[in-house]
Amino acid sequence: MISGRALHHVFKIGNRKATMDFYRNILKMKVLRHEEFTETCAAQCNGPYDNRWSKTMVGYMHEHQSFVLELTYNYGVKEYKLGNEFGGVVIKSSDVIENVKAKNYPFENIAGSNGDILIRAPDGFKFFIFNQKVADGADPMCYIIYNVSNLDNSIKYWNGLLNMSILRQDNKKALLSYNGGKFGIEFTQIDEPINRADAFGRIAFAVPLALQPSIDELIQKNKRTILTPLVVLDTPGKASVRVIILADPDGHEICFVDEEGFTQLSEYDDKSEADLDKYIKKDPFQDQ
């Protein structure tokens, strides 16, 4: 039976300098690790691009404690076309709202709420900020939103096949989670075809290494999509991990990575922020 730990969602970003200013200075997230790659990823972690690339993990707590975001930057690619498959990230933090307003960052008030706001990252991704204080030791990131074409089909896949628990559901929305709501995905049915364009990302979960072959067998048995069969991914100077990449009925990508390798790979690196700034400064493709 599948059960995973939610790790991160991947965003492909264009202007790395402006993007990192947004996550660090507007959302008040921390740089947790930064990695540079000279070759494309065997599991298309950086998308369908054969070039030098980097990834930067950002969040409010360390990766072993919370859900974070992976910011993937392809050198020479300055922007991506947004689709409609990603609904947004939901964050609970009145402190972030105060910071948004203090920095005069553009925002929209959410009608009918108690001071909740909507802001957009430089690449257009939406962030819904709830005007609530987060409990001590809790992760401010609550869930992400995936738009889907048919809610019943999505529930059959994510709950019936992947075994995520349904926390709440109505005719148009359902919130699912592997860990009782510590972090989840809200699936929202929209009345238009799903278009992933080229800004699409993926969500990652950690599972025991021994469980990965059974995921492969389960997906094949049910004649569902495997984008990347089990493969080992290397990171220079760090631990290797084994992953399998799936796609749900609407093409949302799901990565199941081995917990053992990922625990080593995702250790906090206090040199990462300085490394990131160094690479931004000398990036020949980046507007300074």
C-alpha atoms as a PDB file:
ATOM      1  CA  MET A   1       0.000   0.000   0.000  1.00  0.00           C
ATOM      2  CA  ILE A   2       1.415   3.361  -1.035  1.00  0.00           C
ATOM      3  CA  SER A   3       2.009   6.048   1.566  1.00  0.00           C
ATOM      4  CA  GLY A   4       4.407   8.921   1.029  1.00  0.00           C
ATOM      5  CA  ARG A   5       5.869  12.024   2.638  1.00  0.00           C
ATOM      6  CA  ALA A   6       5.129  15.185   0.658  1.00  0.00           C
ATOM      7  CA  LEU A   7       8.455  16.827  -0.210  1.00  0.00           C
ATOM      8  CA  HIS A   8       8.186  19.656  -2.713  1.00  0.00           C
ATOM      9  CA  HIS A   9       6.578  21.064  -5.829  1.00  0.00           C
ATOM     10  CA  VAL A  10       8.763  22.086  -8.769  1.00  0.00           C
ATOM     11  CA  PHE A  11       8.507  25.471 -10.484  1.00  0.00           C
ATOM     12  CA  LYS A  12      10.422  26.308 -13.642  1.00  0.00           C
ATOM     13  CA  ILE A  13      11.584  29.911 -13.307  1.00  0.00           C
ATOM     14  CA  GLY A  14      12.860  32.459 -15.828  1.00  0.00           C
ATOM     15  CA  ASN A  15      14.345  35.542 -14.152  1.00  0.00           C
ATOM     16  CA  ARG A  16      16.266  33.894 -11.323  1.00  0.00           C
ATOM     17  CA  LYS A  17      17.315  37.170  -9.706  1.00  0.00           C
ATOM     18  CA  ALA A  18      13.773  38.608  -9.505  1.00  0.00           C
ATOM     19  CA  THR A  19      12.354  35.230  -8.498  1.00  0.00           C
ATOM     20  CA  MET A  20      14.765  34.783  -5.612  1.00  0.00           C
ATOM     21  CA  ASP A  21      14.034  38.294  -4.420  1.00  0.00           C
ATOM     22  CA  PHE A  22      10.338  37.342  -4.317  1.00  0.00           C
ATOM     23  CA  TYR A  23      10.785  34.140  -2.339  1.00  0.00           C
ATOM     24  CA  ARG A  24      13.349  35.527   0.059  1.00  0.00           C
ATOM     25  CA  ASN A  25      12.181  39.090   0.602  1.00  0.00           C
ATOM     26  CA  ILE A  26       8.416  38.929  -0.046  1.00  0.00           C
ATOM     27  CA  LEU A  27       7.418  35.424   1.063  1.00  0.00           C
ATOM     28  CA  LYS A  28      10.273  35.399   3.616  1.00  0.00           C
ATOM     29  CA  MET A  29      11.423  31.884   2.739  1.00  0.00           C
ATOM     30  CA  LYS A  30      14.941  30.573   3.306  1.00  0.00           C
ATOM     31  CA  VAL A  31      17.347  29.088   0.776  1.00  0.00           C
ATOM     32  CA  LEU A  32      17.822  25.504   1.973  1.00  0.00           C
ATOM     33  CA  ARG A  33      20.128  24.139  -0.729  1.00  0.00           C
ATOM     34  CA  HIS A  34      21.324  25.043  -4.190  1.00  0.00           C
ATOM     35  CA  GLU A  35      22.735  22.718  -6.854  1.00  0.00           C
ATOM     36  CA  GLU A  36      24.194  23.332 -10.305  1.00  0.00           C
ATOM     37  CA  PHE A  37      24.121  20.799 -13.158  1.00  0.00           C
ATOM     38  CA  THR A  38      26.011  20.798 -16.449  1.00  0.00           C
ATOM     39  CA  GLU A  39      23.867  18.079 -18.054  1.00  0.00           C
ATOM     40  CA  THR A  40      20.120  17.568 -18.355  1.00  0.00           C
ATOM     41  CA  CYS A  41      18.296  15.381 -15.842  1.00  0.00           C
ATOM     42  CA  ALA A  42      17.596  11.747 -16.803  1.00  0.00           C
ATOM     43  CA  ALA A  43      14.090  12.154 -15.348  1.00  0.00           C
ATOM     44  CA  GLN A  44      13.543  15.587 -16.953  1.00  0.00           C
ATOM     45  CA  CYS A  45      13.664  17.307 -13.562  1.00  0.00           C
ATOM     46  CA  ASN A  46      14.415  20.532 -15.442  1.00  0.00           C
ATOM     47  CA  GLY A  47      11.802  19.860 -18.121  1.00  0.00           C
ATOM     48  CA  PRO A  48      12.487  18.849 -21.741  1.00  0.00           C
ATOM     49  CA  TYR A  49      15.660  20.919 -21.967  1.00  0.00           C
ATOM     50  CA  ASP A  50      19.150  19.690 -22.801  1.00  0.00           C
ATOM     51  CA  ASN A  51      21.282  22.378 -21.209  1.00  0.00           C
ATOM     52  CA  ARG A  52      22.986  23.575 -18.061  1.00  0.00           C
ATOM     53  CA  TRP A  53      20.512  24.116 -15.218  1.00  0.00           C
ATOM     54  CA  SER A  54      20.198  24.632 -11.481  1.00  0.00           C
ATOM     55  CA  LYS A  55      17.727  23.951  -8.716  1.00  0.00           C
ATOM     56  CA  THR A  56      17.195  25.895  -5.526  1.00  0.00           C
ATOM     57  CA  MET A  57      15.125  24.589  -2.629  1.00  0.00           C
ATOM     58  CA  VAL A  58      13.282  27.263  -0.620  1.00  0.00           C
ATOM     59  CA  GLY A  59      10.906  27.015   2.304  1.00  0.00           C
ATOM     60  CA  TYR A  60      10.102  28.031   5.861  1.00  0.00           C
ATOM     61  CA  MET A  61      11.634  24.989   7.559  1.00  0.00           C
ATOM     62  CA  HIS A  62      14.199  22.360   6.667  1.00  0.00           C
ATOM     63  CA  GLU A  63      13.247  19.734   4.104  1.00  0.00           C
ATOM     64  CA  HIS A  64      12.983  16.889   6.610  1.00  0.00           C
ATOM     65  CA  GLN A  65      10.435  18.950   8.574  1.00  0.00           C
ATOM     66  CA  SER A  66       8.175  20.486   5.976  1.00  0.00           C
ATOM     67  CA  PHE A  67       7.014  20.937   2.395  1.00  0.00           C
ATOM     68  CA  VAL A  68       9.238  23.196   0.295  1.00  0.00           C
ATOM     69  CA  LEU A  69       9.484  24.507  -3.260  1.00  0.00           C
ATOM     70  CA  GLU A  70      12.048  23.538  -5.878  1.00  0.00           C
ATOM     71  CA  LEU A  71      12.941  26.385  -8.243  1.00  0.00           C
ATOM     72  CA  THR A  72      14.397  25.019 -11.464  1.00  0.00           C
ATOM     73  CA  TYR A  73      16.331  27.389 -13.687  1.00  0.00           C
ATOM     74  CA  ASN A  74      17.409  26.516 -17.237  1.00  0.00           C
ATOM     75  CA  TYR A  75      20.272  28.705 -18.405  1.00  0.00           C
ATOM     76  CA  GLY A  76      19.221  30.727 -21.423  1.00  0.00           C
ATOM     77  CA  VAL A  77      15.455  30.213 -20.953  1.00  0.00           C
ATOM     78  CA  LYS A  78      14.041  33.535 -19.770  1.00  0.00           C
ATOM     79  CA  GLU A  79      10.335  32.725 -19.558  1.00  0.00           C
ATOM     80  CA  TYR A  80       7.774  29.946 -19.791  1.00  0.00           C
ATOM     81  CA  LYS A  81       4.184  30.007 -20.966  1.00  0.00           C
ATOM     82  CA  LEU A  82       1.748  29.452 -18.116  1.00  0.00           C
ATOM     83  CA  GLY A  83      -0.988  26.870 -18.468  1.00  0.00           C
ATOM     84  CA  ASN A  84      -4.086  26.449 -16.326  1.00  0.00           C
ATOM     85  CA  GLU A  85      -3.172  23.207 -14.565  1.00  0.00           C
ATOM     86  CA  PHE A  86      -1.651  24.813 -11.462  1.00  0.00           C
ATOM     87  CA  GLY A  87      -4.056  26.660  -9.183  1.00  0.00           C
ATOM     88  CA  GLY A  88      -1.645  28.025  -6.600  1.00  0.00           C
ATOM     89  CA  VAL A  89       0.098  27.580  -3.263  1.00  0.00           C
ATOM     90  CA  VAL A  90      -1.800  28.210  -0.018  1.00  0.00           C
ATOM     91  CA  ILE A  91       0.217  29.740   2.826  1.00  0.00           C
ATOM     92  CA  LYS A  92      -1.038  30.559   6.313  1.00  0.00           C
ATOM     93  CA  SER A  93       0.849  33.650   7.553  1.00  0.00           C
ATOM     94  CA  SER A  94      -0.355  37.033   8.691  1.00  0.00           C
ATOM     95  CA  ASP A  95       3.338  37.990   8.945  1.00  0.00           C
ATOM     96  CA  VAL A  96       3.769  37.500   5.200  1.00  0.00           C
ATOM     97  CA  ILE A  97       0.710  39.664   4.545  1.00  0.00           C
ATOM     98  CA  GLU A  98       2.184  42.435   6.660  1.00  0.00           C
ATOM     99  CA  ASN A  99       5.476  42.088   4.773  1.00  0.00           C
ATOM    100  CA  VAL A 100       3.763  42.193   1.357  1.00  0.00           C
ATOM    101  CA  LYS A 101       2.069  45.438   2.288  1.00  0.00           C
ATOM    102  CA  ALA A 102       5.181  46.933   3.884  1.00  0.00           C
ATOM    103  CA  LYS A 103       7.189  46.212   0.718  1.00  0.00           C
ATOM    104  CA  ASN A 104       4.386  47.599  -1.519  1.00  0.00           C
ATOM    105  CA  TYR A 105       4.277  44.340  -3.456  1.00  0.00           C
ATOM    106  CA  PRO A 106       1.180  44.073  -5.708  1.00  0.00           C
ATOM    107  CA  PHE A 107      -1.641  42.055  -4.165  1.00  0.00           C
ATOM    108  CA  GLU A 108      -5.370  41.416  -4.487  1.00  0.00           C
ATOM    109  CA  ASN A 109      -7.778  41.166  -1.586  1.00  0.00           C
ATOM    110  CA  ILE A 110      -9.764  37.919  -1.566  1.00  0.00           C
ATOM    111  CA  ALA A 111     -13.463  38.742  -1.424  1.00  0.00           C
ATOM    112  CA  GLY A 112     -15.367  37.420   1.563  1.00  0.00           C
ATOM    113  CA  SER A 113     -12.245  36.579   3.548  1.00  0.00           C
ATOM    114  CA  ASN A 114     -10.830  37.979   6.755  1.00  0.00           C
ATOM    115  CA  GLY A 115      -7.959  39.834   5.140  1.00  0.00           C
ATOM    116  CA  ASP A 116      -6.609  37.008   2.941  1.00  0.00           C
ATOM    117  CA  ILE A 117      -4.705  38.096  -0.164  1.00  0.00           C
ATOM    118  CA  LEU A 118      -3.527  36.775  -3.518  1.00  0.00           C
ATOM    119  CA  ILE A 119      -0.056  37.572  -4.859  1.00  0.00           C
ATOM    120  CA  ARG A 120       1.827  36.363  -7.923  1.00  0.00           C
ATOM    121  CA  ALA A 121       5.456  35.368  -8.304  1.00  0.00           C
ATOM    122  CA  PRO A 122       7.442  36.987 -11.127  1.00  0.00           C
ATOM    123  CA  ASP A 123       6.690  33.984 -13.349  1.00  0.00           C
ATOM    124  CA  GLY A 124       2.955  34.286 -12.651  1.00  0.00           C
ATOM    125  CA  PHE A 125       2.420  31.461 -10.152  1.00  0.00           C
ATOM    126  CA  LYS A 126      -0.310  32.257  -7.630  1.00  0.00           C
ATOM    127  CA  PHE A 127       0.080  32.343  -3.853  1.00  0.00           C
ATOM    128  CA  PHE A 128      -2.974  32.587  -1.600  1.00  0.00           C
ATOM    129  CA  ILE A 129      -1.920  34.007   1.762  1.00  0.00           C
ATOM    130  CA  PHE A 130      -4.324  33.383   4.634  1.00  0.00           C
ATOM    131  CA  ASN A 131      -4.456  36.047   7.314  1.00  0.00           C
ATOM    132  CA  GLN A 132      -3.777  33.672  10.206  1.00  0.00           C
ATOM    133  CA  LYS A 133      -0.988  33.160  12.689  1.00  0.00           C
ATOM    134  CA  VAL A 134       0.816  29.873  12.198  1.00  0.00           C
ATOM    135  CA  ALA A 135       1.256  27.694  15.267  1.00  0.00           C
ATOM    136  CA  ASP A 136       4.745  27.330  16.718  1.00  0.00           C
ATOM    137  CA  GLY A 137       6.627  24.583  14.917  1.00  0.00           C
ATOM    138  CA  ALA A 138       4.044  24.338  12.127  1.00  0.00           C
ATOM    139  CA  ASP A 139       4.758  24.806   8.443  1.00  0.00           C
ATOM    140  CA  PRO A 140       3.026  27.892   6.986  1.00  0.00           C
ATOM    141  CA  MET A 141       2.597  26.105   3.629  1.00  0.00           C
ATOM    142  CA  CYS A 142      -0.719  24.269   3.820  1.00  0.00           C
ATOM    143  CA  TYR A 143      -1.437  22.801   0.390  1.00  0.00           C
ATOM    144  CA  ILE A 144      -1.107  23.308  -3.340  1.00  0.00           C
ATOM    145  CA  ILE A 145      -3.974  23.465  -5.820  1.00  0.00           C
ATOM    146  CA  TYR A 146      -4.140  21.341  -8.962  1.00  0.00           C
ATOM    147  CA  ASN A 147      -6.851  22.099 -11.497  1.00  0.00           C
ATOM    148  CA  VAL A 148      -8.403  19.001 -13.077  1.00  0.00           C
ATOM    149  CA  SER A 149     -10.864  18.216 -15.845  1.00  0.00           C
ATOM    150  CA  ASN A 150     -12.856  15.581 -13.942  1.00  0.00           C
ATOM    151  CA  LEU A 151     -12.808  15.440 -10.142  1.00  0.00           C
ATOM    152  CA  ASP A 152     -14.124  11.874  -9.956  1.00  0.00           C
ATOM    153  CA  ASN A 153     -11.352  10.612 -12.223  1.00  0.00           C
ATOM    154  CA  SER A 154      -8.743  12.446 -10.171  1.00  0.00           C
ATOM    155  CA  ILE A 155     -10.052  10.970  -6.923  1.00  0.00           C
ATOM    156  CA  LYS A 156     -10.048   7.471  -8.431  1.00  0.00           C
ATOM    157  CA  TYR A 157      -6.402   7.957  -9.330  1.00  0.00           C
ATOM    158  CA  TRP A 158      -5.002   9.756  -6.280  1.00  0.00           C
ATOM    159  CA  ASN A 159      -7.197   8.086  -3.649  1.00  0.00           C
ATOM    160  CA  GLY A 160      -8.159   4.790  -5.277  1.00  0.00           C
ATOM    161  CA  LEU A 161      -4.794   4.014  -6.874  1.00  0.00           C
ATOM    162  CA  LEU A 162      -2.182   6.089  -5.006  1.00  0.00           C
ATOM    163  CA  ASN A 163      -3.973   5.714  -1.657  1.00  0.00           C
ATOM    164  CA  MET A 164      -4.065   9.365  -0.583  1.00  0.00           C
ATOM    165  CA  SER A 165      -6.720  10.076   2.059  1.00  0.00           C
ATOM    166  CA  ILE A 166      -9.654  12.392   1.315  1.00  0.00           C
ATOM    167  CA  LEU A 167      -9.813  15.103   3.976  1.00  0.00           C
ATOM    168  CA  ARG A 168     -12.746  17.040   2.498  1.00  0.00           C
ATOM    169  CA  GLN A 169     -14.755  16.967  -0.697  1.00  0.00           C
ATOM    170  CA  ASP A 170     -17.662  18.667  -2.463  1.00  0.00           C
ATOM    171  CA  ASN A 171     -18.888  18.701  -6.052  1.00  0.00           C
ATOM    172  CA  LYS A 172     -15.948  20.701  -7.405  1.00  0.00           C
ATOM    173  CA  LYS A 173     -13.072  20.336  -4.925  1.00  0.00           C
ATOM    174  CA  ALA A 174     -11.321  17.707  -2.838  1.00  0.00           C
ATOM    175  CA  LEU A 175      -8.349  17.981  -0.481  1.00  0.00           C
ATOM    176  CA  LEU A 176      -6.174  14.863  -0.281  1.00  0.00           C
ATOM    177  CA  SER A 177      -3.141  14.056   1.838  1.00  0.00           C
ATOM    178  CA  TYR A 178      -0.833  11.229   2.846  1.00  0.00           C
ATOM    179  CA  ASN A 179      -0.246  12.530   6.357  1.00  0.00           C
ATOM    180  CA  GLY A 180      -3.555  13.615   7.814  1.00  0.00           C
ATOM    181  CA  GLY A 181      -3.426  17.130   6.419  1.00  0.00           C
ATOM    182  CA  LYS A 182       0.056  18.240   7.416  1.00  0.00           C
ATOM    183  CA  PHE A 183       0.349  19.003   3.711  1.00  0.00           C
ATOM    184  CA  GLY A 184      -1.979  18.146   0.866  1.00  0.00           C
ATOM    185  CA  ILE A 185      -3.227  18.749  -2.648  1.00  0.00           C
ATOM    186  CA  GLU A 186      -6.567  20.382  -3.372  1.00  0.00           C
ATOM    187  CA  PHE A 187      -7.998  19.173  -6.679  1.00  0.00           C
ATOM    188  CA  THR A 188     -10.354  21.685  -8.272  1.00  0.00           C
ATOM    189  CA  GLN A 189     -12.468  20.827 -11.297  1.00  0.00           C
ATOM    190  CA  ILE A 190     -12.512  23.557 -13.935  1.00  0.00           C
ATOM    191  CA  ASP A 191     -14.819  23.887 -16.922  1.00  0.00           C
ATOM    192  CA  GLU A 192     -12.156  24.028 -19.613  1.00  0.00           C
ATOM    193  CA  PRO A 193      -9.539  21.642 -20.997  1.00  0.00           C
ATOM    194  CA  ILE A 194      -6.382  21.300 -18.943  1.00  0.00           C
ATOM    195  CA  ASN A 195      -3.469  23.047 -20.640  1.00  0.00           C
ATOM    196  CA  ARG A 196      -0.055  22.458 -19.062  1.00  0.00           C
ATOM    197  CA  ALA A 197       1.753  24.725 -21.566  1.00  0.00           C
ATOM    198  CA  ASP A 198       5.506  24.674 -20.837  1.00  0.00           C
ATOM    199  CA  ALA A 199       5.622  26.086 -17.281  1.00  0.00           C
ATOM    200  CA  PHE A 200       4.316  22.835 -15.793  1.00  0.00           C
ATOM    201  CA  GLY A 201       6.013  21.335 -12.725  1.00  0.00           C
ATOM    202  CA  ARG A 202       5.653  18.206 -10.635  1.00  0.00           C
ATOM    203  CA  ILE A 203       5.135  17.145  -7.041  1.00  0.00           C
ATOM    204  CA  ALA A 204       7.531  14.835  -5.202  1.00  0.00           C
ATOM    205  CA  PHE A 205       6.903  12.338  -2.417  1.00  0.00           C
ATOM    206  CA  ALA A 206       9.408  10.237  -0.474  1.00  0.00           C
ATOM    207  CA  VAL A 207       8.727   6.512  -0.065  1.00  0.00           C
ATOM    208  CA  PRO A 208      10.899   3.654   1.204  1.00  0.00           C
ATOM    209  CA  LEU A 209      13.290   2.339  -1.423  1.00  0.00           C
ATOM    210  CA  ALA A 210      11.738  -1.120  -1.130  1.00  0.00           C
ATOM    211  CA  LEU A 211       8.304   0.253  -2.059  1.00  0.00           C
ATOM    212  CA  GLN A 212       9.271   1.738  -5.418  1.00  0.00           C
ATOM    213  CA  PRO A 213       9.124  -1.512  -7.441  1.00  0.00           C
ATOM    214  CA  SER A 214       5.594  -2.174  -6.203  1.00  0.00           C
ATOM    215  CA  ILE A 215       4.556   1.315  -7.375  1.00  0.00           C
ATOM    216  CA  ASP A 216       5.946   0.455 -10.795  1.00  0.00           C
ATOM    217  CA  GLU A 217       4.020  -2.831 -10.819  1.00  0.00           C
ATOM    218  CA  LEU A 218       0.798  -1.197  -9.622  1.00  0.00           C
ATOM    219  CA  ILE A 219       0.852   1.499 -12.313  1.00  0.00           C
ATOM    220  CA  GLN A 220       1.643  -1.014 -15.046  1.00  0.00           C
ATOM    221  CA  LYS A 221      -1.061  -3.408 -13.842  1.00  0.00           C
ATOM    222  CA  ASN A 222      -3.642  -0.616 -14.006  1.00  0.00           C
ATOM    223  CA  LYS A 223      -2.329   0.533 -17.410  1.00  0.00           C
ATOM    224  CA  ARG A 224      -1.569   4.035 -16.202  1.00  0.00           C
ATOM    225  CA  THR A 225       1.217   6.331 -17.346  1.00  0.00           C
ATOM    226  CA  ILE A 226       4.834   5.973 -16.250  1.00  0.00           C
ATOM    227  CA  LEU A 227       6.849   8.885 -17.638  1.00  0.00           C
ATOM    228  CA  THR A 228      10.192   7.684 -16.290  1.00  0.00           C
ATOM    229  CA  PRO A 229      10.720   4.084 -15.087  1.00  0.00           C
ATOM    230  CA  LEU A 230      12.885   3.554 -12.034  1.00  0.00           C
ATOM    231  CA  VAL A 231      16.147   5.423 -12.576  1.00  0.00           C
ATOM    232  CA  VAL A 232      19.026   6.609 -10.391  1.00  0.00           C
ATOM    233  CA  LEU A 233      19.735  10.356 -10.403  1.00  0.00           C
ATOM    234  CA  ASP A 234      23.127  11.721  -9.389  1.00  0.00           C
ATOM    235  CA  THR A 235      23.901  15.100  -7.833  1.00  0.00           C
ATOM    236  CA  PRO A 236      27.561  16.197  -7.932  1.00  0.00           C
ATOM    237  CA  GLY A 237      29.137  15.807  -4.499  1.00  0.00           C
ATOM    238  CA  LYS A 238      25.929  14.575  -2.880  1.00  0.00           C
ATOM    239  CA  ALA A 239      23.867  11.423  -2.449  1.00  0.00           C
ATOM    240  CA  SER A 240      22.196   9.722  -5.395  1.00  0.00           C
ATOM    241  CA  VAL A 241      18.473   8.983  -5.361  1.00  0.00           C
ATOM    242  CA  ARG A 242      16.211   6.582  -7.225  1.00  0.00           C
ATOM    243  CA  VAL A 243      12.960   7.902  -8.669  1.00  0.00           C
ATOM    244  CA  ILE A 244       9.944   6.836 -10.656  1.00  0.00           C
ATOM    245  CA  ILE A 245       7.868   9.514 -12.420  1.00  0.00           C
ATOM    246  CA  LEU A 246       4.139   9.083 -13.074  1.00  0.00           C
ATOM    247  CA  ALA A 247       1.413  11.184 -14.691  1.00  0.00           C
ATOM    248  CA  ASP A 248      -2.202  11.378 -13.530  1.00  0.00           C
ATOM    249  CA  PRO A 249      -5.216  11.558 -15.899  1.00  0.00           C
ATOM    250  CA  ASP A 250      -4.612  15.287 -16.541  1.00  0.00           C
ATOM    251  CA  GLY A 251      -0.851  14.960 -16.952  1.00  0.00           C
ATOM    252  CA  HIS A 252       0.108  16.209 -13.484  1.00  0.00           C
ATOM    253  CA  GLU A 253       3.535  14.727 -12.841  1.00  0.00           C
ATOM    254  CA  ILE A 254       4.289  12.762  -9.668  1.00  0.00           C
ATOM    255  CA  CYS A 255       7.775  11.784  -8.515  1.00  0.00           C
ATOM    256  CA  PHE A 256       8.250   9.034  -5.949  1.00  0.00           C
ATOM    257  CA  VAL A 257      11.830   9.265  -4.640  1.00  0.00           C
ATOM    258  CA  ASP A 258      13.498   6.861  -2.218  1.00  0.00           C
ATOM    259  CA  GLU A 259      13.410   8.169   1.345  1.00  0.00           C
ATOM    260  CA  GLU A 260      16.824   6.761   2.225  1.00  0.00           C
ATOM    261  CA  GLY A 261      18.722   8.564  -0.518  1.00  0.00           C
ATOM    262  CA  PHE A 262      16.657  11.724  -0.339  1.00  0.00           C
ATOM    263  CA  THR A 263      17.223  12.114   3.397  1.00  0.00           C
ATOM    264  CA  GLN A 264      20.958  12.377   2.684  1.00  0.00           C
ATOM    265  CA  LEU A 265      20.559  14.525  -0.436  1.00  0.00           C
ATOM    266  CA  SER A 266      18.272  17.064   1.239  1.00  0.00           C
ATOM    267  CA  GLU A 267      20.460  17.970   4.189  1.00  0.00           C
ATOM    268  CA  TYR A 268      20.499  21.709   4.830  1.00  0.00           C
ATOM    269  CA  ASP A 269      23.512  23.449   3.277  1.00  0.00           C
ATOM    270  CA  ASP A 270      24.380  26.772   4.916  1.00  0.00           C
ATOM    271  CA  LYS A 271      26.632  27.680   1.964  1.00  0.00           C
ATOM    272  CA  SER A 272      23.802  27.459  -0.557  1.00  0.00           C
ATOM    273  CA  GLU A 273      22.581  31.035  -0.323  1.00  0.00           C
ATOM    274  CA  ALA A 274      26.052  32.426  -1.004  1.00  0.00           C
ATOM    275  CA  ASP A 275      26.524  29.923  -3.844  1.00  0.00           C
ATOM    276  CA  LEU A 276      23.200  30.914  -5.383  1.00  0.00           C
ATOM    277  CA  ASP A 277      24.047  34.622  -5.287  1.00  0.00           C
ATOM    278  CA  LYS A 278      27.441  33.904  -6.832  1.00  0.00           C
ATOM    279  CA  TYR A 279      25.873  32.060  -9.766  1.00  0.00           C
ATOM    280  CA  ILE A 280      23.211  34.724 -10.255  1.00  0.00           C
ATOM    281  CA  LYS A 281      25.886  37.429 -10.378  1.00  0.00           C
ATOM    282  CA  LYS A 282      27.955  35.700 -13.056  1.00  0.00           C
ATOM    283  CA  ASP A 283      25.044  34.311 -15.108  1.00  0.00           C
ATOM    284  CA  PRO A 284      25.594  35.457 -18.737  1.00  0.00           C
ATOM    285  CA  PHE A 285      21.870  35.024 -19.521  1.00  0.00           C
ATOM    286  CA  GLN A 286      20.520  36.888 -16.479  1.00  0.00           C
ATOM    287  CA  ASP A 287      19.490  40.535 -16.418  1.00  0.00           C
ATOM    288  CA  GLN A 288      21.332  42.109 -13.517  1.00  0.00           C
END
